[in-house]
Structure formats: C-alpha cells, structure tokens
N, C-alpha and C. Protein backbone atom coordinates (compact mmCIF):
# COMPACT_ATOMS: atom_id res chain seq x y z
N MET A 1 0.85 -1.20 0.01
CA MET A 1 0.00 0.01 0.03
C MET A 1 0.88 1.24 0.03
N ARG A 2 0.55 2.21 -0.89
CA ARG A 2 1.28 3.45 -0.94
C ARG A 2 0.34 4.58 -0.56
N ILE A 3 0.78 5.51 0.28
CA ILE A 3 -0.04 6.59 0.81
C ILE A 3 0.59 7.91 0.55
N THR A 4 -0.20 8.86 0.01
CA THR A 4 0.25 10.20 -0.23
C THR A 4 -0.70 11.18 0.43
N HIS A 5 -0.18 12.08 1.24
CA HIS A 5 -0.99 13.12 1.90
C HIS A 5 -1.04 14.33 1.01
N LEU A 6 -2.27 14.71 0.59
CA LEU A 6 -2.44 15.81 -0.31
C LEU A 6 -3.02 17.04 0.36
N GLY A 7 -2.70 17.17 1.63
CA GLY A 7 -3.09 18.35 2.41
C GLY A 7 -4.36 18.07 3.22
N HIS A 8 -4.39 18.59 4.44
CA HIS A 8 -5.51 18.49 5.34
C HIS A 8 -6.01 17.01 5.46
N ALA A 9 -7.22 16.71 5.12
CA ALA A 9 -7.74 15.37 5.34
C ALA A 9 -7.63 14.48 4.13
N CYS A 10 -7.02 14.94 3.06
CA CYS A 10 -7.04 14.22 1.78
C CYS A 10 -5.84 13.27 1.66
N LEU A 11 -6.14 12.02 1.33
CA LEU A 11 -5.15 10.97 1.11
C LEU A 11 -5.36 10.31 -0.20
N LEU A 12 -4.32 9.98 -0.91
CA LEU A 12 -4.35 9.07 -2.03
C LEU A 12 -3.79 7.75 -1.58
N VAL A 13 -4.56 6.70 -1.70
CA VAL A 13 -4.15 5.35 -1.25
C VAL A 13 -4.10 4.45 -2.48
N GLU A 14 -2.95 3.82 -2.71
CA GLU A 14 -2.72 3.02 -3.88
C GLU A 14 -2.26 1.62 -3.47
N SER A 15 -2.82 0.63 -4.15
CA SER A 15 -2.30 -0.73 -4.09
C SER A 15 -1.68 -1.08 -5.43
N GLU A 16 -1.38 -2.37 -5.62
CA GLU A 16 -0.81 -2.79 -6.94
C GLU A 16 -1.84 -2.55 -8.06
N GLN A 17 -3.15 -2.66 -7.74
CA GLN A 17 -4.18 -2.65 -8.74
C GLN A 17 -5.13 -1.42 -8.66
N THR A 18 -5.15 -0.72 -7.57
CA THR A 18 -6.27 0.21 -7.25
C THR A 18 -5.78 1.50 -6.70
N ARG A 19 -6.46 2.59 -7.13
CA ARG A 19 -6.16 3.94 -6.64
C ARG A 19 -7.46 4.56 -6.12
N VAL A 20 -7.46 4.94 -4.81
CA VAL A 20 -8.63 5.59 -4.25
C VAL A 20 -8.19 6.89 -3.60
N LEU A 21 -9.08 7.90 -3.68
CA LEU A 21 -8.83 9.20 -3.09
C LEU A 21 -9.83 9.44 -1.96
N LEU A 22 -9.34 9.91 -0.82
CA LEU A 22 -10.20 10.16 0.32
C LEU A 22 -10.26 11.63 0.63
N ASP A 23 -11.49 12.11 0.85
CA ASP A 23 -11.75 13.48 1.38
C ASP A 23 -11.03 14.59 0.64
N PRO A 24 -11.33 14.79 -0.67
CA PRO A 24 -10.73 15.89 -1.42
C PRO A 24 -11.48 17.19 -1.10
N GLY A 25 -10.98 17.96 -0.14
CA GLY A 25 -11.67 19.13 0.39
C GLY A 25 -11.01 20.46 -0.01
N THR A 26 -11.54 21.52 0.51
CA THR A 26 -11.12 22.89 0.13
C THR A 26 -9.76 23.24 0.68
N TYR A 27 -9.27 22.55 1.71
CA TYR A 27 -7.93 22.87 2.26
C TYR A 27 -6.84 21.97 1.65
N SER A 28 -7.20 21.16 0.71
CA SER A 28 -6.28 20.20 0.10
C SER A 28 -5.90 20.64 -1.31
N ALA A 29 -4.76 20.16 -1.77
CA ALA A 29 -4.26 20.57 -3.09
C ALA A 29 -3.50 19.42 -3.71
N GLY A 30 -3.50 19.39 -5.06
CA GLY A 30 -2.74 18.40 -5.76
C GLY A 30 -3.55 17.21 -6.23
N TYR A 31 -4.82 17.14 -5.82
CA TYR A 31 -5.66 16.02 -6.24
C TYR A 31 -6.44 16.36 -7.49
N GLN A 32 -6.58 17.64 -7.83
CA GLN A 32 -7.51 18.03 -8.88
C GLN A 32 -7.17 17.48 -10.25
N ASP A 33 -5.89 17.17 -10.49
CA ASP A 33 -5.46 16.69 -11.79
C ASP A 33 -5.18 15.17 -11.77
N LEU A 34 -5.51 14.51 -10.73
CA LEU A 34 -5.29 13.06 -10.68
C LEU A 34 -6.14 12.35 -11.73
N THR A 35 -5.62 11.27 -12.29
CA THR A 35 -6.35 10.42 -13.21
C THR A 35 -6.18 8.96 -12.79
N ASP A 36 -6.93 8.11 -13.46
CA ASP A 36 -6.87 6.67 -13.21
C ASP A 36 -7.33 6.29 -11.82
N LEU A 37 -8.20 7.10 -11.19
CA LEU A 37 -8.75 6.76 -9.92
C LEU A 37 -9.84 5.71 -10.08
N ASP A 38 -9.88 4.80 -9.13
CA ASP A 38 -10.95 3.78 -9.09
C ASP A 38 -12.12 4.17 -8.20
N ALA A 39 -11.83 5.03 -7.22
CA ALA A 39 -12.92 5.50 -6.33
C ALA A 39 -12.52 6.79 -5.68
N VAL A 40 -13.51 7.61 -5.35
CA VAL A 40 -13.38 8.78 -4.55
C VAL A 40 -14.27 8.57 -3.29
N LEU A 41 -13.69 8.66 -2.12
CA LEU A 41 -14.40 8.41 -0.90
C LEU A 41 -14.53 9.67 -0.06
N VAL A 42 -15.71 9.83 0.54
CA VAL A 42 -15.96 11.04 1.33
C VAL A 42 -16.54 10.63 2.69
N THR A 43 -15.92 11.14 3.79
CA THR A 43 -16.36 10.72 5.11
C THR A 43 -17.54 11.53 5.61
N HIS A 44 -17.64 12.83 5.14
CA HIS A 44 -18.82 13.62 5.54
C HIS A 44 -18.83 14.88 4.68
N GLN A 45 -19.86 15.74 4.88
CA GLN A 45 -20.17 16.77 3.95
C GLN A 45 -19.45 18.08 4.16
N HIS A 46 -18.70 18.27 5.22
CA HIS A 46 -18.02 19.53 5.45
C HIS A 46 -17.08 19.91 4.29
N PRO A 47 -17.01 21.17 3.89
CA PRO A 47 -16.22 21.59 2.73
C PRO A 47 -14.74 21.21 2.82
N ASP A 48 -14.20 21.16 4.07
CA ASP A 48 -12.77 20.77 4.14
C ASP A 48 -12.54 19.26 3.89
N HIS A 49 -13.66 18.53 3.69
CA HIS A 49 -13.52 17.12 3.35
C HIS A 49 -14.08 16.81 1.96
N VAL A 50 -14.89 17.71 1.42
CA VAL A 50 -15.32 17.50 0.06
C VAL A 50 -15.65 18.91 -0.56
N ASP A 51 -14.82 19.28 -1.53
CA ASP A 51 -15.03 20.52 -2.28
C ASP A 51 -16.01 20.25 -3.41
N THR A 52 -17.23 20.66 -3.20
CA THR A 52 -18.27 20.31 -4.18
C THR A 52 -18.04 20.95 -5.54
N ASP A 53 -17.33 22.08 -5.57
CA ASP A 53 -17.05 22.74 -6.86
C ASP A 53 -15.97 21.94 -7.64
N ALA A 54 -15.06 21.32 -6.93
CA ALA A 54 -13.98 20.61 -7.58
C ALA A 54 -14.33 19.16 -7.88
N LEU A 55 -15.44 18.67 -7.29
CA LEU A 55 -15.72 17.24 -7.39
C LEU A 55 -16.12 16.83 -8.79
N ALA A 56 -17.02 17.59 -9.42
CA ALA A 56 -17.46 17.20 -10.77
C ALA A 56 -16.29 17.21 -11.78
N PRO A 57 -15.45 18.27 -11.78
CA PRO A 57 -14.31 18.18 -12.74
C PRO A 57 -13.39 17.03 -12.42
N LEU A 58 -13.21 16.69 -11.16
CA LEU A 58 -12.33 15.53 -10.80
C LEU A 58 -12.93 14.27 -11.33
N LEU A 59 -14.20 14.08 -11.18
CA LEU A 59 -14.88 12.85 -11.69
C LEU A 59 -14.86 12.81 -13.23
N ALA A 60 -14.96 13.97 -13.87
CA ALA A 60 -14.90 14.00 -15.30
C ALA A 60 -13.56 13.50 -15.81
N LYS A 61 -12.47 13.74 -15.03
CA LYS A 61 -11.17 13.24 -15.42
C LYS A 61 -10.99 11.78 -15.07
N ASN A 62 -11.94 11.26 -14.27
CA ASN A 62 -11.87 9.87 -13.78
C ASN A 62 -13.22 9.15 -14.01
N PRO A 63 -13.63 8.99 -15.26
CA PRO A 63 -14.97 8.49 -15.55
C PRO A 63 -15.30 7.12 -15.00
N LYS A 64 -14.26 6.32 -14.69
CA LYS A 64 -14.53 4.99 -14.15
C LYS A 64 -14.54 4.96 -12.61
N ALA A 65 -14.29 6.10 -11.98
CA ALA A 65 -14.19 6.17 -10.52
C ALA A 65 -15.56 6.07 -9.87
N LEU A 66 -15.72 5.25 -8.90
CA LEU A 66 -16.90 5.22 -8.03
C LEU A 66 -16.87 6.35 -7.08
N LEU A 67 -18.00 6.98 -6.84
CA LEU A 67 -18.11 8.04 -5.79
C LEU A 67 -18.84 7.42 -4.61
N ILE A 68 -18.14 7.21 -3.50
CA ILE A 68 -18.71 6.50 -2.33
C ILE A 68 -18.65 7.45 -1.15
N VAL A 69 -19.86 7.79 -0.63
CA VAL A 69 -19.89 8.86 0.35
C VAL A 69 -20.83 8.50 1.55
N GLU A 70 -20.59 9.17 2.64
CA GLU A 70 -21.47 9.09 3.80
C GLU A 70 -22.87 9.43 3.42
N PRO A 71 -23.93 8.74 3.89
CA PRO A 71 -25.28 8.87 3.38
C PRO A 71 -25.82 10.28 3.31
N GLU A 72 -25.64 11.11 4.40
CA GLU A 72 -26.22 12.46 4.34
C GLU A 72 -25.53 13.34 3.28
N THR A 73 -24.30 12.97 2.95
CA THR A 73 -23.53 13.74 2.00
C THR A 73 -24.07 13.62 0.57
N VAL A 74 -24.75 12.49 0.30
CA VAL A 74 -25.35 12.30 -1.03
C VAL A 74 -26.26 13.41 -1.38
N GLU A 75 -26.97 13.98 -0.39
CA GLU A 75 -27.95 15.01 -0.63
C GLU A 75 -27.35 16.41 -0.91
N VAL A 76 -26.08 16.62 -0.61
CA VAL A 76 -25.53 17.97 -0.76
C VAL A 76 -24.44 18.09 -1.83
N ILE A 77 -23.94 17.00 -2.37
CA ILE A 77 -22.84 17.12 -3.31
C ILE A 77 -23.25 17.42 -4.75
N GLU A 78 -24.56 17.16 -5.05
CA GLU A 78 -25.11 17.46 -6.37
C GLU A 78 -24.36 16.81 -7.52
N VAL A 79 -23.98 15.54 -7.28
CA VAL A 79 -23.33 14.75 -8.28
C VAL A 79 -24.12 13.47 -8.48
N ASN A 80 -24.45 13.14 -9.72
CA ASN A 80 -25.22 11.87 -9.95
C ASN A 80 -24.33 10.69 -9.69
N ASP A 81 -25.07 9.59 -9.42
CA ASP A 81 -24.37 8.25 -9.29
C ASP A 81 -23.47 8.13 -8.04
N ALA A 82 -23.78 8.91 -7.01
CA ALA A 82 -23.05 8.73 -5.73
C ALA A 82 -23.64 7.57 -5.00
N THR A 83 -22.75 6.75 -4.43
CA THR A 83 -23.16 5.58 -3.66
C THR A 83 -23.07 5.89 -2.16
N ALA A 84 -24.22 5.80 -1.48
CA ALA A 84 -24.20 6.02 -0.02
C ALA A 84 -23.52 4.85 0.68
N PHE A 85 -22.71 5.20 1.65
CA PHE A 85 -21.92 4.19 2.34
C PHE A 85 -22.11 4.45 3.82
N ALA A 86 -22.89 3.58 4.48
CA ALA A 86 -23.30 3.76 5.86
C ALA A 86 -22.53 2.88 6.79
N PRO A 87 -22.49 3.19 8.07
CA PRO A 87 -21.81 2.33 9.07
C PRO A 87 -22.25 0.88 8.93
N GLY A 88 -21.33 -0.03 8.88
CA GLY A 88 -21.63 -1.47 8.70
C GLY A 88 -21.55 -1.93 7.28
N ASP A 89 -21.54 -0.96 6.34
CA ASP A 89 -21.42 -1.34 4.89
C ASP A 89 -19.97 -1.70 4.59
N SER A 90 -19.81 -2.58 3.63
CA SER A 90 -18.49 -2.94 3.11
C SER A 90 -18.61 -3.31 1.64
N ARG A 91 -17.55 -3.08 0.89
CA ARG A 91 -17.51 -3.47 -0.52
C ARG A 91 -16.07 -3.53 -0.95
N SER A 92 -15.83 -4.16 -2.06
CA SER A 92 -14.51 -4.22 -2.63
C SER A 92 -14.39 -3.27 -3.84
N VAL A 93 -13.28 -2.65 -3.94
CA VAL A 93 -12.89 -1.85 -5.13
C VAL A 93 -11.52 -2.37 -5.53
N GLY A 94 -11.46 -3.08 -6.61
CA GLY A 94 -10.21 -3.74 -7.00
C GLY A 94 -9.77 -4.70 -5.91
N ASP A 95 -8.48 -4.54 -5.50
CA ASP A 95 -7.96 -5.38 -4.46
C ASP A 95 -7.98 -4.72 -3.07
N LEU A 96 -8.84 -3.68 -2.94
CA LEU A 96 -9.05 -3.06 -1.68
C LEU A 96 -10.46 -3.35 -1.12
N ARG A 97 -10.51 -3.63 0.13
CA ARG A 97 -11.83 -3.87 0.83
C ARG A 97 -12.13 -2.65 1.67
N LEU A 98 -13.28 -2.00 1.40
CA LEU A 98 -13.68 -0.79 2.10
C LEU A 98 -14.76 -1.19 3.15
N SER A 99 -14.65 -0.61 4.35
CA SER A 99 -15.65 -0.82 5.38
C SER A 99 -15.88 0.53 6.09
N ALA A 100 -17.16 0.76 6.46
CA ALA A 100 -17.51 2.00 7.16
C ALA A 100 -17.91 1.74 8.60
N VAL A 101 -17.45 2.63 9.49
CA VAL A 101 -17.81 2.55 10.90
C VAL A 101 -18.26 3.90 11.36
N GLY A 102 -18.79 3.94 12.59
CA GLY A 102 -19.16 5.23 13.18
C GLY A 102 -20.56 5.64 12.88
N GLY A 103 -20.73 6.85 12.33
CA GLY A 103 -22.08 7.30 12.02
C GLY A 103 -22.29 8.77 12.29
N GLU A 104 -21.56 9.34 13.29
CA GLU A 104 -21.83 10.71 13.65
C GLU A 104 -20.56 11.53 13.82
N HIS A 105 -20.58 12.71 13.32
CA HIS A 105 -19.44 13.65 13.46
C HIS A 105 -19.31 14.05 14.95
N ALA A 106 -18.08 14.23 15.39
CA ALA A 106 -17.84 14.71 16.74
C ALA A 106 -18.47 16.06 16.92
N ARG A 107 -18.96 16.35 18.13
CA ARG A 107 -19.62 17.58 18.38
C ARG A 107 -18.62 18.75 18.54
N ASN A 108 -18.83 19.79 17.77
CA ASN A 108 -18.05 21.02 17.92
C ASN A 108 -18.51 21.77 19.18
N HIS A 109 -19.82 22.10 19.18
CA HIS A 109 -20.43 22.73 20.38
C HIS A 109 -21.95 22.57 20.19
N ASP A 110 -22.68 23.00 21.19
CA ASP A 110 -24.13 22.70 21.19
C ASP A 110 -24.96 23.54 20.24
N LEU A 111 -24.33 24.54 19.55
CA LEU A 111 -25.06 25.34 18.59
C LEU A 111 -24.96 24.77 17.17
N ILE A 112 -24.20 23.71 16.99
CA ILE A 112 -24.13 23.04 15.68
C ILE A 112 -24.84 21.70 15.78
N PRO A 113 -25.84 21.46 14.94
CA PRO A 113 -26.61 20.19 15.05
C PRO A 113 -25.75 19.01 14.67
N PRO A 114 -26.12 17.80 15.11
CA PRO A 114 -25.40 16.56 14.75
C PRO A 114 -25.32 16.39 13.25
N LEU A 115 -24.26 15.75 12.83
CA LEU A 115 -24.01 15.57 11.37
C LEU A 115 -23.45 14.19 11.17
N GLY A 116 -23.79 13.56 10.06
CA GLY A 116 -23.28 12.22 9.78
C GLY A 116 -21.78 12.23 9.46
N ASN A 117 -21.11 11.13 9.81
CA ASN A 117 -19.69 10.93 9.54
C ASN A 117 -19.41 9.47 9.52
N VAL A 118 -18.63 8.97 8.57
CA VAL A 118 -18.22 7.59 8.61
C VAL A 118 -16.67 7.51 8.63
N GLY A 119 -16.16 6.65 9.50
CA GLY A 119 -14.78 6.30 9.44
C GLY A 119 -14.58 5.18 8.40
N LEU A 120 -13.50 5.28 7.68
CA LEU A 120 -13.28 4.36 6.55
C LEU A 120 -12.06 3.49 6.78
N LEU A 121 -12.27 2.17 6.78
CA LEU A 121 -11.24 1.19 6.81
C LEU A 121 -10.93 0.71 5.39
N ILE A 122 -9.69 0.74 5.03
CA ILE A 122 -9.25 0.32 3.68
C ILE A 122 -8.23 -0.76 3.83
N ALA A 123 -8.60 -1.99 3.46
CA ALA A 123 -7.72 -3.17 3.66
C ALA A 123 -7.30 -3.69 2.28
N GLU A 124 -5.99 -3.75 2.11
CA GLU A 124 -5.42 -4.32 0.88
C GLU A 124 -5.36 -5.81 0.98
N THR A 125 -5.77 -6.54 -0.03
CA THR A 125 -5.72 -8.00 -0.05
C THR A 125 -4.28 -8.47 0.21
N GLY A 126 -4.10 -9.20 1.28
CA GLY A 126 -2.73 -9.69 1.59
C GLY A 126 -1.81 -8.58 2.11
N GLY A 127 -2.34 -7.40 2.41
CA GLY A 127 -1.52 -6.26 2.82
C GLY A 127 -2.08 -5.57 4.01
N PRO A 128 -1.65 -4.34 4.23
CA PRO A 128 -2.05 -3.58 5.43
C PRO A 128 -3.47 -3.03 5.36
N THR A 129 -3.96 -2.59 6.52
CA THR A 129 -5.23 -1.92 6.63
C THR A 129 -4.99 -0.47 7.15
N LEU A 130 -5.66 0.48 6.50
CA LEU A 130 -5.58 1.90 6.86
C LEU A 130 -6.92 2.33 7.41
N PHE A 131 -6.89 3.17 8.43
CA PHE A 131 -8.13 3.72 8.94
C PHE A 131 -8.11 5.24 8.91
N HIS A 132 -9.13 5.81 8.24
CA HIS A 132 -9.32 7.27 8.15
C HIS A 132 -10.63 7.55 8.91
N PRO A 133 -10.58 8.24 10.05
CA PRO A 133 -11.78 8.36 10.87
C PRO A 133 -12.72 9.48 10.46
N GLY A 134 -12.35 10.28 9.47
CA GLY A 134 -13.13 11.47 9.21
C GLY A 134 -12.99 12.40 10.39
N ASP A 135 -14.12 12.94 10.85
CA ASP A 135 -14.11 13.84 12.04
C ASP A 135 -14.73 13.18 13.23
N SER A 136 -14.10 12.17 13.75
CA SER A 136 -14.64 11.47 14.93
C SER A 136 -13.58 10.60 15.53
N TYR A 137 -13.57 10.53 16.84
CA TYR A 137 -12.73 9.56 17.57
C TYR A 137 -13.63 8.47 18.22
N ALA A 138 -14.86 8.38 17.87
CA ALA A 138 -15.76 7.50 18.57
C ALA A 138 -15.42 6.01 18.34
N ASP A 139 -14.87 5.66 17.18
CA ASP A 139 -14.55 4.28 16.88
C ASP A 139 -13.04 4.12 16.79
N ALA A 140 -12.55 3.12 17.45
CA ALA A 140 -11.10 2.78 17.44
C ALA A 140 -10.96 1.32 17.07
N PRO A 141 -11.10 0.97 15.81
CA PRO A 141 -11.06 -0.41 15.40
C PRO A 141 -9.70 -1.05 15.62
N ARG A 142 -9.69 -2.31 15.89
CA ARG A 142 -8.47 -3.09 16.12
C ARG A 142 -7.99 -3.60 14.73
N GLY A 143 -6.73 -4.07 14.68
CA GLY A 143 -6.16 -4.62 13.47
C GLY A 143 -5.81 -3.62 12.45
N VAL A 144 -5.63 -2.36 12.87
CA VAL A 144 -5.26 -1.29 11.97
C VAL A 144 -3.73 -1.17 11.91
N ASP A 145 -3.20 -1.10 10.68
CA ASP A 145 -1.74 -0.99 10.49
C ASP A 145 -1.33 0.48 10.37
N VAL A 146 -2.19 1.27 9.68
CA VAL A 146 -1.89 2.70 9.47
C VAL A 146 -3.09 3.51 9.91
N LEU A 147 -2.89 4.41 10.83
CA LEU A 147 -3.95 5.30 11.31
C LEU A 147 -3.69 6.70 10.78
N ALA A 148 -4.67 7.25 10.03
CA ALA A 148 -4.63 8.65 9.65
C ALA A 148 -5.32 9.40 10.77
N PHE A 149 -4.61 10.19 11.57
CA PHE A 149 -5.23 10.81 12.73
C PHE A 149 -5.35 12.33 12.59
N PRO A 150 -6.46 12.92 12.92
CA PRO A 150 -6.60 14.38 12.89
C PRO A 150 -5.65 15.03 13.90
N LEU A 151 -4.83 15.91 13.40
CA LEU A 151 -3.83 16.57 14.27
C LEU A 151 -4.46 17.72 15.05
N ASN A 152 -5.46 18.34 14.45
CA ASN A 152 -6.08 19.54 15.07
C ASN A 152 -7.42 19.71 14.48
N ALA A 153 -8.41 20.12 15.34
CA ALA A 153 -9.77 20.35 14.88
C ALA A 153 -10.56 21.13 15.96
N PRO A 154 -11.60 21.85 15.55
CA PRO A 154 -12.42 22.55 16.54
C PRO A 154 -13.10 21.59 17.53
N TRP A 155 -13.22 20.32 17.14
CA TRP A 155 -14.00 19.40 17.94
C TRP A 155 -13.16 18.53 18.86
N THR A 156 -11.85 18.77 18.92
CA THR A 156 -10.99 17.93 19.78
C THR A 156 -9.88 18.73 20.47
N ARG A 157 -9.22 18.06 21.39
CA ARG A 157 -8.07 18.60 22.06
C ARG A 157 -6.95 17.57 22.06
N MET A 158 -5.76 17.95 22.41
CA MET A 158 -4.62 17.04 22.26
C MET A 158 -4.76 15.78 23.13
N SER A 159 -5.29 15.93 24.31
CA SER A 159 -5.46 14.73 25.18
C SER A 159 -6.36 13.70 24.56
N GLU A 160 -7.39 14.18 23.83
CA GLU A 160 -8.30 13.21 23.15
C GLU A 160 -7.61 12.59 21.96
N THR A 161 -6.79 13.38 21.24
CA THR A 161 -6.07 12.83 20.11
C THR A 161 -5.11 11.74 20.56
N LEU A 162 -4.38 11.99 21.66
CA LEU A 162 -3.48 10.97 22.18
C LEU A 162 -4.21 9.71 22.65
N ALA A 163 -5.37 9.92 23.28
CA ALA A 163 -6.16 8.74 23.71
C ALA A 163 -6.61 7.91 22.52
N PHE A 164 -6.97 8.60 21.44
CA PHE A 164 -7.39 7.92 20.19
C PHE A 164 -6.25 7.13 19.59
N ILE A 165 -5.06 7.74 19.50
CA ILE A 165 -3.89 7.06 18.91
C ILE A 165 -3.60 5.83 19.77
N ARG A 166 -3.67 5.94 21.11
CA ARG A 166 -3.35 4.80 21.96
C ARG A 166 -4.44 3.71 21.82
N ALA A 167 -5.69 4.11 21.66
CA ALA A 167 -6.75 3.10 21.51
C ALA A 167 -6.64 2.31 20.25
N VAL A 168 -6.29 2.95 19.13
CA VAL A 168 -6.15 2.24 17.88
C VAL A 168 -4.86 1.43 17.91
N SER A 169 -3.77 2.02 18.38
CA SER A 169 -2.50 1.32 18.58
C SER A 169 -1.98 0.73 17.24
N ALA A 170 -2.01 1.57 16.24
CA ALA A 170 -1.49 1.07 14.91
C ALA A 170 0.05 1.18 14.93
N GLY A 171 0.64 0.44 14.00
CA GLY A 171 2.11 0.52 13.90
C GLY A 171 2.58 1.87 13.35
N ILE A 172 1.75 2.47 12.49
CA ILE A 172 2.11 3.73 11.85
C ILE A 172 0.96 4.69 12.04
N ALA A 173 1.26 5.96 12.39
CA ALA A 173 0.23 6.97 12.51
C ALA A 173 0.61 8.17 11.64
N VAL A 174 -0.25 8.53 10.71
CA VAL A 174 0.01 9.61 9.75
C VAL A 174 -0.86 10.79 10.14
N PRO A 175 -0.30 11.94 10.46
CA PRO A 175 -1.08 13.10 10.82
C PRO A 175 -1.81 13.73 9.61
N ILE A 176 -3.07 14.01 9.78
CA ILE A 176 -3.89 14.69 8.78
C ILE A 176 -4.67 15.78 9.49
N HIS A 177 -5.63 16.40 8.77
CA HIS A 177 -6.52 17.40 9.33
C HIS A 177 -5.71 18.49 10.06
N ASP A 178 -4.80 19.12 9.29
CA ASP A 178 -3.89 20.10 9.87
C ASP A 178 -3.99 21.43 9.15
N GLY A 179 -5.04 21.67 8.41
CA GLY A 179 -5.18 22.85 7.58
C GLY A 179 -5.39 24.12 8.36
N LEU A 180 -5.74 24.05 9.65
CA LEU A 180 -5.96 25.23 10.47
C LEU A 180 -4.70 25.69 11.20
N LEU A 181 -3.60 24.99 11.01
CA LEU A 181 -2.37 25.24 11.76
C LEU A 181 -1.30 25.92 10.90
N ASN A 182 -0.62 26.91 11.48
CA ASN A 182 0.57 27.38 10.77
C ASN A 182 1.73 26.45 11.06
N ALA A 183 2.88 26.72 10.49
CA ALA A 183 4.00 25.79 10.57
C ALA A 183 4.47 25.55 12.02
N ASP A 184 4.54 26.62 12.81
CA ASP A 184 5.00 26.50 14.18
C ASP A 184 3.98 25.70 15.02
N GLY A 185 2.69 26.03 14.82
CA GLY A 185 1.67 25.32 15.58
C GLY A 185 1.60 23.86 15.20
N ARG A 186 1.78 23.59 13.94
CA ARG A 186 1.77 22.17 13.50
C ARG A 186 2.92 21.40 14.13
N SER A 187 4.09 22.02 14.17
CA SER A 187 5.23 21.36 14.79
C SER A 187 4.98 21.00 16.26
N THR A 188 4.29 21.89 16.97
CA THR A 188 3.99 21.66 18.39
C THR A 188 3.03 20.48 18.55
N TYR A 189 1.96 20.47 17.77
CA TYR A 189 1.02 19.37 17.83
C TYR A 189 1.69 18.03 17.46
N LEU A 190 2.53 18.11 16.45
CA LEU A 190 3.20 16.90 15.96
C LEU A 190 4.16 16.36 17.02
N MET A 191 4.84 17.28 17.73
CA MET A 191 5.72 16.86 18.81
C MET A 191 4.99 16.10 19.88
N HIS A 192 3.81 16.60 20.29
CA HIS A 192 3.04 15.89 21.32
C HIS A 192 2.60 14.52 20.83
N ALA A 193 2.16 14.40 19.59
CA ALA A 193 1.72 13.09 19.07
C ALA A 193 2.88 12.13 19.02
N ASP A 194 4.03 12.63 18.65
CA ASP A 194 5.23 11.77 18.52
C ASP A 194 5.81 11.35 19.86
N LYS A 195 5.89 12.34 20.76
CA LYS A 195 6.53 12.10 22.04
C LYS A 195 5.65 11.34 23.07
N PHE A 196 4.35 11.59 23.00
CA PHE A 196 3.46 11.03 24.02
C PHE A 196 2.55 9.95 23.50
N GLY A 197 2.67 9.58 22.25
CA GLY A 197 1.87 8.48 21.72
C GLY A 197 2.47 7.16 22.17
N PRO A 198 1.81 6.04 21.92
CA PRO A 198 2.28 4.74 22.34
C PRO A 198 3.64 4.36 21.72
N ALA A 199 4.43 3.64 22.46
CA ALA A 199 5.77 3.29 22.00
C ALA A 199 5.73 2.47 20.71
N GLU A 200 4.67 1.65 20.54
CA GLU A 200 4.59 0.81 19.38
C GLU A 200 4.15 1.50 18.14
N THR A 201 3.79 2.81 18.21
CA THR A 201 3.30 3.60 17.09
C THR A 201 4.36 4.57 16.60
N GLU A 202 4.70 4.48 15.34
CA GLU A 202 5.62 5.44 14.70
C GLU A 202 4.81 6.53 13.99
N VAL A 203 5.06 7.76 14.35
CA VAL A 203 4.38 8.87 13.65
C VAL A 203 5.20 9.18 12.40
N VAL A 204 4.52 9.12 11.27
CA VAL A 204 5.19 9.36 9.95
C VAL A 204 4.52 10.58 9.31
N ASP A 205 5.29 11.65 9.25
CA ASP A 205 4.79 12.89 8.70
C ASP A 205 4.93 12.92 7.19
N LEU A 206 3.81 13.05 6.48
CA LEU A 206 3.81 13.03 5.02
C LEU A 206 3.42 14.38 4.44
N SER A 207 3.66 15.43 5.21
CA SER A 207 3.24 16.78 4.79
C SER A 207 3.95 17.30 3.56
N ASP A 208 5.10 16.71 3.24
CA ASP A 208 5.83 17.20 2.06
C ASP A 208 5.32 16.58 0.77
N GLY A 209 4.28 15.73 0.85
CA GLY A 209 3.71 15.17 -0.38
C GLY A 209 4.39 13.92 -0.88
N THR A 210 5.40 13.47 -0.13
CA THR A 210 6.12 12.26 -0.53
C THR A 210 5.26 11.03 -0.33
N ALA A 211 5.21 10.12 -1.29
CA ALA A 211 4.48 8.88 -1.16
C ALA A 211 5.20 7.92 -0.17
N TYR A 212 4.44 7.30 0.69
CA TYR A 212 5.02 6.42 1.71
C TYR A 212 4.45 5.00 1.46
N THR A 213 5.34 4.05 1.37
CA THR A 213 4.95 2.66 1.12
C THR A 213 4.97 1.85 2.41
N VAL A 214 3.89 1.17 2.70
CA VAL A 214 3.78 0.32 3.88
C VAL A 214 4.03 -1.10 3.45
C-alpha cells in the first residue's frame, strides 16, 4: 500500500491494482489533476472534506471512478451516481476492501446540530489496513496498521487525540486534518503526538507530499 497526503484530510491510497482518493476538500491541493482513480471516498459533507465545486471536474477526469460517500452527503454534493456508504457497509474496489464505521461527526459545540460521519477502513488484499476516521474519535477499530489521525480540529483537544492514537495502537500513525495550523503550531502538535503516543506507534509525517509505502 502506498499513501500520499495531499493536504488536510485528503489521502491518495494506492495498491498494486487500485487507486482511491479520500476526502478531497477545500484545504487540500494536488488532487485536482489526478487520473486513473478507481474510487473517490468522502467521510462527511463539510467543505474541508469535500469541495463540491472541484468534485465534478475531478470525476470527469476519472470516468470509471466510483463516488462512495457518507449517506447524508449524497444530498448535498449534487453529483449523480453517488453511492451512499453507511456504518456497517463494506464493498471491494479492485484489491481493496472498504468498510464503514461510526455514523456521527464529533460535536463542535451545542449550537451546531449533529452531522453524519463515517470512518473508513481500507484493507489491501494480503496487505495492510488503513483507517481514516473522518471527524470522529468514537470508533477505534483493532487490526489497523496505518492510522490517519486528525492533528487539530475545533471538535477535539490534544489529550483526546493521544487517547485515540493509543486506543487504535497502529504501527504507523500519519497526521492529517492540519489545515488550520501554521508551521509552528503544526510542529507543536506533531511533537506531542510523537513524544506522548504509544511506544509501538511510529508517527510518519507526510506533509511534504512524498508517497510512503507500507
């Protein structure tokens, strides 16, 4: 499995046969010209996870790509042929097995109503499993090799992030959801994740856009 961080919550995940893109949002860059995608996956409807203006042109460049999204998101993206993907659902795309967990976005505060969110497990046949939680720490599945963990968000604090990393206890943790941080702030958050996370978890920073092979 090869993983490329394209800014904020967006990841390109590639196996020997399959290319899938996760959460192409407004704070991400470099995904707009991708081709040969087999699927585009969206954890929830917030713009930093799906840029609705960029989605149609992206799909036009990838006519064979499946659009697989959290159920509430189907109603807001205004793209035909989107497949709703609810907690408990699973399906194969090439040699990748996709599974959805969770169901609800973490609460920012009591003035914002609840919103749907799915965490996505991506398992390569005979290879590793990656978990992208979207915007929630509610589910911490076991058997995860690579955890994409939100580094910063209005809905969390560092102690909760560390508890989430420890609960999943993956061998590799890749920081994502960092679009609200400047360089100095990001370094501070990253230091805490690296220094105070579990000993068995290696934090691998992919912010420079370099592809990482597991």
